[in-house]
Amino acid sequence: MKLMKKKNFYTNQLQIKKSLRTKIYEFLKDEIKKEGIKKKSDEELSNIFNSEFDTKVSRKTIAKYREELNIPSSINRK
C-alpha cells in the first residue's frame, strides 16, 4: 500500500472540493436559466443534481452556493 504525504493528501482534497463546487455552480446557473413558470426549490435542485451526477449534495449546500451566486430563493425568483 502506497502512503501519501499529508501535503499531497490535502491538496488532492482541495482539488476535489473545487471541482465539485464548480460543478454545482454550473449546474445551478444552467438549471435556473432553464426554469419556466414553476421555479425549483433548493430541495428539487438537490435531487436533480444528485441524480445527474450520482453524488450526494444536501439542500443546504445547494442553498449556500445559490446564495454565493446571488440567486434568490424560488419564492423570490420571477
Protein backbone atom coordinates (compact mmCIF):
# COMPACT_ATOMS: atom_id res chain seq x y z
CA MET A 1 0.00 0.00 0.00
CA LYS A 2 1.35 3.39 -1.03
CA LEU A 3 1.28 6.17 1.58
CA MET A 4 0.71 9.77 0.59
CA LYS A 5 2.35 12.72 2.24
CA LYS A 6 -0.02 14.88 4.26
CA LYS A 7 0.53 17.86 1.98
CA ASN A 8 -0.41 15.85 -1.13
CA PHE A 9 -3.49 14.44 0.58
CA TYR A 10 -4.82 17.88 1.49
CA THR A 11 -4.01 19.27 -1.94
CA ASN A 12 -5.98 16.43 -3.56
CA GLN A 13 -8.92 17.01 -1.22
CA LEU A 14 -8.96 20.72 -2.09
CA GLN A 15 -8.94 19.93 -5.81
CA ILE A 16 -11.89 17.57 -5.35
CA LYS A 17 -13.80 20.22 -3.39
CA LYS A 18 -13.06 22.89 -6.01
CA SER A 19 -14.21 20.67 -8.86
CA LEU A 20 -17.44 19.79 -7.02
CA ARG A 21 -18.06 23.46 -6.25
CA THR A 22 -17.53 24.31 -9.92
CA LYS A 23 -19.97 21.57 -10.95
CA ILE A 24 -22.60 22.89 -8.53
CA TYR A 25 -22.13 26.49 -9.73
CA GLU A 26 -22.50 25.49 -13.38
CA PHE A 27 -25.46 23.24 -12.60
CA LEU A 28 -27.29 25.99 -10.71
CA LYS A 29 -26.73 28.56 -13.44
CA ASP A 30 -27.98 26.16 -16.14
CA GLU A 31 -30.98 24.83 -14.20
CA ILE A 32 -32.19 28.27 -13.18
CA LYS A 33 -31.84 29.54 -16.76
CA LYS A 34 -34.00 26.61 -17.96
CA GLU A 35 -36.73 27.21 -15.38
CA GLY A 36 -40.16 28.00 -16.71
CA ILE A 37 -43.08 29.38 -14.73
CA LYS A 38 -42.64 26.86 -11.89
CA LYS A 39 -39.46 27.70 -10.01
CA LYS A 40 -37.48 24.82 -8.50
CA SER A 41 -36.83 24.77 -4.75
CA ASP A 42 -33.43 24.01 -3.27
CA GLU A 43 -34.68 20.50 -2.41
CA GLU A 44 -35.73 19.86 -6.02
CA LEU A 45 -32.41 21.23 -7.31
CA SER A 46 -30.54 18.98 -4.87
CA ASN A 47 -32.47 15.90 -6.03
CA ILE A 48 -31.82 16.71 -9.70
CA PHE A 49 -28.11 17.31 -9.06
CA ASN A 50 -27.77 14.07 -7.10
CA SER A 51 -29.42 12.03 -9.85
CA GLU A 52 -27.48 13.66 -12.70
CA PHE A 53 -24.04 13.49 -11.10
CA ASP A 54 -24.56 10.35 -8.99
CA THR A 55 -23.38 12.08 -5.82
CA LYS A 56 -24.92 13.28 -2.56
CA VAL A 57 -25.26 17.04 -2.08
CA SER A 58 -27.66 18.35 0.55
CA ARG A 59 -30.31 21.03 0.16
CA LYS A 60 -28.30 23.29 2.49
CA THR A 61 -25.25 23.04 0.23
CA ILE A 62 -27.34 23.96 -2.81
CA ALA A 63 -28.79 26.92 -0.89
CA LYS A 64 -25.31 28.06 0.20
CA TYR A 65 -23.91 28.03 -3.35
CA ARG A 66 -27.09 29.60 -4.76
CA GLU A 67 -26.68 32.48 -2.31
CA GLU A 68 -22.99 32.82 -3.22
CA LEU A 69 -24.09 33.28 -6.83
CA ASN A 70 -26.59 35.97 -5.70
CA ILE A 71 -29.53 33.92 -7.00
CA PRO A 72 -32.69 34.50 -4.93
CA SER A 73 -34.75 31.64 -3.49
CA SER A 74 -37.52 30.05 -5.57
CA ILE A 75 -40.13 32.22 -3.84
CA ASN A 76 -38.30 35.42 -4.78
CA ARG A 77 -37.36 34.49 -8.37
CA LYS A 78 -39.67 35.92 -11.02
